[in-house]
Protein backbone atom coordinates (compact mmCIF):
# COMPACT_ATOMS: atom_id res chain seq x y z
CA MET A 1 -26.85 3.47 47.24
CA GLN A 2 -26.02 6.68 45.41
CA ILE A 3 -22.54 6.64 47.00
CA MET A 4 -21.93 3.09 45.75
CA LYS A 5 -23.00 4.05 42.21
CA ALA A 6 -20.68 7.04 42.33
CA LYS A 7 -17.79 4.81 43.37
CA TYR A 8 -18.48 2.41 40.50
CA LEU A 9 -18.64 5.33 38.10
CA VAL A 10 -15.31 6.73 39.33
CA THR A 11 -13.74 3.28 39.08
CA ALA A 12 -15.07 2.78 35.55
CA VAL A 13 -13.76 6.19 34.43
CA ALA A 14 -10.36 5.46 36.00
CA LEU A 15 -10.12 2.09 34.22
CA LEU A 16 -11.15 3.69 30.92
CA ALA A 17 -8.50 6.38 31.34
CA LEU A 18 -5.89 3.72 32.10
CA ALA A 19 -6.92 1.71 29.04
CA CYS A 20 -6.66 4.80 26.84
CA SER A 21 -3.23 5.54 28.27
CA LEU A 22 -2.03 1.99 27.59
CA ALA A 23 -3.46 2.08 24.07
CA SER A 24 -1.43 5.17 23.23
CA ALA A 25 1.79 3.71 24.66
CA TYR A 26 3.89 1.29 22.65
CA ASP A 27 7.30 -0.32 22.51
CA PRO A 28 9.78 0.83 19.84
CA SER A 29 9.48 -1.12 16.62
CA PRO A 30 12.09 -3.90 16.31
CA LEU A 31 14.69 -3.31 13.62
CA GLN A 32 16.23 -6.76 13.63
CA ASP A 33 14.90 -10.28 14.18
CA PHE A 34 15.46 -10.07 17.93
CA CYS A 35 17.26 -7.98 20.54
CA VAL A 36 18.10 -10.05 23.62
CA ALA A 37 18.43 -7.95 26.77
CA VAL A 38 21.71 -7.83 28.74
CA LYS A 39 21.89 -7.08 32.45
CA ASP A 40 25.28 -5.35 32.25
CA PRO A 41 25.47 -2.48 29.72
CA ALA A 42 29.23 -3.05 29.53
CA PHE A 43 28.49 -6.21 27.54
CA ALA A 44 26.01 -4.54 25.19
CA LEU A 45 26.93 -4.82 21.53
CA PHE A 46 23.80 -3.95 19.54
CA VAL A 47 21.10 -1.33 19.72
CA ASN A 48 17.65 -1.47 18.14
CA GLY A 49 18.83 -0.22 14.79
CA LYS A 50 22.24 1.42 14.31
CA PHE A 51 24.35 3.75 16.42
CA CYS A 52 24.13 7.34 15.24
CA MET A 53 27.01 9.44 13.94
CA ASP A 54 27.51 12.93 15.33
CA PRO A 55 25.38 15.01 12.89
CA LYS A 56 28.23 17.50 12.56
CA LEU A 57 30.38 14.76 11.01
CA ALA A 58 27.82 13.68 8.38
CA SER A 59 28.24 14.50 4.71
CA ALA A 60 26.32 14.07 1.46
CA LYS A 61 27.92 10.66 0.81
CA ASP A 62 26.09 9.27 3.86
CA PHE A 63 22.80 9.88 2.05
CA PHE A 64 23.85 8.64 -1.40
CA PHE A 65 23.59 5.32 -3.25
CA SER A 66 24.35 4.73 -6.91
CA GLY A 67 23.75 1.96 -9.40
CA LEU A 68 20.04 1.11 -9.32
CA ASN A 69 19.91 1.88 -13.03
CA VAL A 70 22.07 -1.19 -13.74
CA PRO A 71 20.17 -4.40 -14.66
CA ARG A 72 20.98 -7.36 -12.40
CA ASP A 73 21.75 -10.96 -13.36
CA THR A 74 18.63 -13.15 -13.35
CA SER A 75 20.30 -16.38 -14.49
CA ASN A 76 19.36 -18.33 -11.37
CA PRO A 77 16.71 -21.02 -10.74
CA LEU A 78 14.04 -18.42 -9.95
CA GLY A 79 14.92 -15.98 -12.70
CA SER A 80 14.86 -12.93 -10.44
CA ASN A 81 17.26 -10.70 -8.53
CA VAL A 82 16.52 -8.25 -5.72
CA THR A 83 18.84 -5.31 -5.05
CA ALA A 84 18.01 -3.92 -1.63
CA VAL A 85 18.89 -0.40 -0.49
CA ASN A 86 18.54 -0.29 3.28
CA VAL A 87 20.43 1.01 6.30
CA ASP A 88 23.19 -1.56 5.74
CA ASN A 89 24.30 0.06 2.48
CA LEU A 90 22.84 3.58 2.84
CA ALA A 91 23.72 4.78 6.34
CA GLY A 92 21.63 7.95 6.08
CA LEU A 93 18.45 5.84 6.23
CA ASN A 94 19.03 5.17 9.93
CA THR A 95 15.95 6.21 11.99
CA LEU A 96 14.05 7.39 8.88
CA GLY A 97 11.80 4.32 8.58
CA ILE A 98 12.14 3.78 4.82
CA SER A 99 14.11 1.68 2.34
CA LEU A 100 13.77 0.54 -1.24
CA ALA A 101 14.70 -2.21 -3.68
CA ARG A 102 15.08 -2.89 -7.37
CA VAL A 103 13.64 -6.20 -8.57
CA ASP A 104 14.80 -7.63 -11.90
CA PHE A 105 12.91 -10.49 -13.56
CA GLY A 106 13.98 -12.68 -16.44
CA PRO A 107 11.25 -14.11 -18.70
CA PHE A 108 8.75 -15.87 -16.40
CA GLY A 109 11.00 -15.06 -13.44
CA LEU A 110 9.60 -15.28 -9.92
CA ASN A 111 10.18 -13.35 -6.71
CA PRO A 112 8.93 -16.25 -4.56
CA PRO A 113 6.44 -16.11 -1.68
CA HIS A 114 8.02 -14.18 1.19
CA THR A 115 7.22 -11.75 3.98
CA HIS A 116 8.74 -8.57 5.35
CA PRO A 117 8.27 -8.83 9.14
CA ARG A 118 8.88 -5.14 9.72
CA ALA A 119 7.49 -3.32 6.69
CA THR A 120 4.62 -2.62 4.36
CA GLU A 121 5.76 -2.64 0.72
CA PHE A 122 4.52 -0.83 -2.33
CA LEU A 123 5.66 -1.95 -5.77
CA ILE A 124 5.72 0.05 -9.01
CA VAL A 125 6.31 -1.66 -12.34
CA LEU A 126 8.68 0.09 -14.72
CA GLU A 127 8.95 -2.54 -17.43
CA GLY A 128 7.15 -5.78 -18.28
CA ILE A 129 3.99 -7.40 -16.93
CA LEU A 130 3.82 -8.86 -13.41
CA TYR A 131 1.27 -11.09 -11.71
CA VAL A 132 1.40 -10.17 -8.02
CA GLY A 133 -0.50 -11.10 -4.90
CA PHE A 134 -0.64 -11.53 -1.15
CA VAL A 135 -2.45 -13.84 1.28
CA THR A 136 -4.26 -12.60 4.38
CA SER A 137 -3.76 -14.07 7.85
CA ASN A 138 -5.43 -17.24 9.17
CA GLY A 139 -8.04 -15.23 11.07
CA ASP A 140 -9.12 -13.59 7.81
CA GLY A 141 -9.48 -16.92 6.03
CA ASN A 142 -6.17 -16.78 4.11
CA ARG A 143 -7.79 -14.84 1.29
CA LEU A 144 -5.69 -14.34 -1.84
CA PHE A 145 -5.56 -10.91 -3.46
CA THR A 146 -3.98 -10.82 -6.93
CA LYS A 147 -3.54 -8.36 -9.76
CA VAL A 148 -1.78 -8.19 -13.12
CA LEU A 149 0.40 -5.08 -13.23
CA TYR A 150 1.62 -3.12 -16.23
CA PRO A 151 4.23 -0.32 -16.45
CA GLY A 152 3.19 2.53 -14.19
CA ASP A 153 0.93 0.38 -12.00
CA VAL A 154 1.36 0.30 -8.22
CA PHE A 155 0.40 -2.43 -5.74
CA VAL A 156 0.66 -2.52 -1.93
CA PHE A 157 1.59 -5.54 0.21
CA PRO A 158 0.54 -5.08 3.87
CA ILE A 159 3.15 -5.59 6.58
CA GLY A 160 3.99 -9.18 7.48
CA LEU A 161 1.76 -10.86 4.88
CA ILE A 162 3.06 -13.49 2.44
CA HIS A 163 3.34 -12.06 -1.07
CA PHE A 164 4.96 -12.75 -4.45
CA GLN A 165 5.61 -11.35 -7.93
CA LEU A 166 5.76 -13.36 -11.18
CA ASN A 167 6.84 -12.11 -14.59
CA VAL A 168 4.13 -13.41 -16.92
CA GLY A 169 5.84 -12.09 -20.05
CA LYS A 170 8.42 -13.49 -22.45
CA THR A 171 10.66 -10.47 -21.94
CA LYS A 172 12.41 -9.08 -18.86
CA ALA A 173 10.59 -7.02 -16.26
CA VAL A 174 11.76 -4.42 -13.76
CA ALA A 175 10.04 -3.09 -10.66
CA PHE A 176 10.97 -0.81 -7.77
CA ALA A 177 9.73 -1.33 -4.24
CA GLY A 178 9.44 1.08 -1.32
CA LEU A 179 9.32 -0.30 2.23
CA SER A 180 8.30 1.31 5.51
CA SER A 181 11.39 0.32 7.51
CA GLN A 182 15.10 1.05 7.36
CA ASN A 183 15.59 -2.72 7.74
CA PRO A 184 12.38 -4.49 6.63
CA GLY A 185 13.83 -7.99 6.76
CA VAL A 186 12.75 -10.79 4.44
CA ILE A 187 11.62 -14.35 5.12
CA THR A 188 11.44 -16.47 1.97
CA ILE A 189 8.94 -19.16 2.88
CA ALA A 190 10.42 -22.14 1.03
CA LYS A 191 13.98 -21.35 2.08
CA ALA A 192 13.02 -20.77 5.72
CA VAL A 193 11.05 -24.00 5.94
CA PHE A 194 13.21 -26.38 3.91
CA GLY A 195 16.60 -24.65 4.04
CA SER A 196 16.87 -23.80 7.73
CA ASP A 197 20.14 -24.40 9.59
CA PRO A 198 19.98 -26.85 11.24
CA LYS A 199 17.20 -28.68 9.42
CA ILE A 200 13.71 -28.83 10.87
CA ASN A 201 12.82 -32.36 11.92
CA PRO A 202 11.23 -33.96 8.79
CA ASP A 203 8.45 -35.39 10.96
CA VAL A 204 7.34 -31.83 11.71
CA LEU A 205 7.17 -30.85 8.05
CA THR A 206 5.62 -34.14 6.95
CA LYS A 207 2.71 -33.57 9.29
CA ALA A 208 2.49 -29.82 8.66
CA PHE A 209 2.34 -30.15 4.86
CA GLN A 210 0.53 -33.52 4.82
CA VAL A 211 3.00 -34.98 2.30
CA ASP A 212 5.28 -38.00 2.12
CA LYS A 213 8.39 -37.84 4.29
CA ASN A 214 10.58 -38.66 1.28
CA LEU A 215 9.40 -35.49 -0.44
CA VAL A 216 10.26 -33.41 2.62
CA GLU A 217 13.73 -34.93 2.84
CA TYR A 218 14.23 -34.35 -0.91
CA LEU A 219 13.33 -30.67 -0.54
CA GLN A 220 15.65 -30.30 2.45
CA LYS A 221 18.55 -31.59 0.35
CA GLN A 222 18.12 -28.91 -2.29
CA PHE A 223 20.46 -25.94 -2.52
CA TRP A 224 18.60 -22.93 -1.13
CA SER A 225 20.41 -19.74 -2.14
CA ASP A 226 19.48 -16.16 -1.28
CA ASN A 227 17.50 -16.11 -4.53
CA ASN A 228 15.23 -18.97 -3.41
């Protein structure tokens, strides 16, 4: 009997050790929407992120970006404009796990509900007054967290959660965002749902949103730009 108990104890310890080992192991974080495997490396075109330059060939220009002091045009339907600085336009960010953005708002301009699938975001207001918020996941009851921000205020949007920013003032507003990925990605909810290419079957959206099919088809016919 004692031998059997000892065997169970050894087995339990072994399973616990294996579980701890698996918990500390993880796959590399994805840096694009997907990375389909190829069986023959000769046909490989992309890596998870960007290929690296020989460090001996790097120079200061690879770590430099200019122009975020320049206000952007907000004369679009949403009244906002996002200027992203990520690995695509600042090569030195590769492998560093950070990026940033300038967000310009016209009066009552909106940065619409969206998510960053690969990054947590923090936002600091430089000018104007913003109403910001995010919604938690289904399992957490889709709770809404909101706050009115003034110059100097900071707010954090957890990774992957739907969030937004609205200029509640009659004057322009400016904010800067920091993101925890060299390529955080962005999914604008309305554009992804109603402006996909090709279009999602209207029957799917009619049932999902519990609205009339004519409304769904009307929304799918709208022009969904990068600012939507």
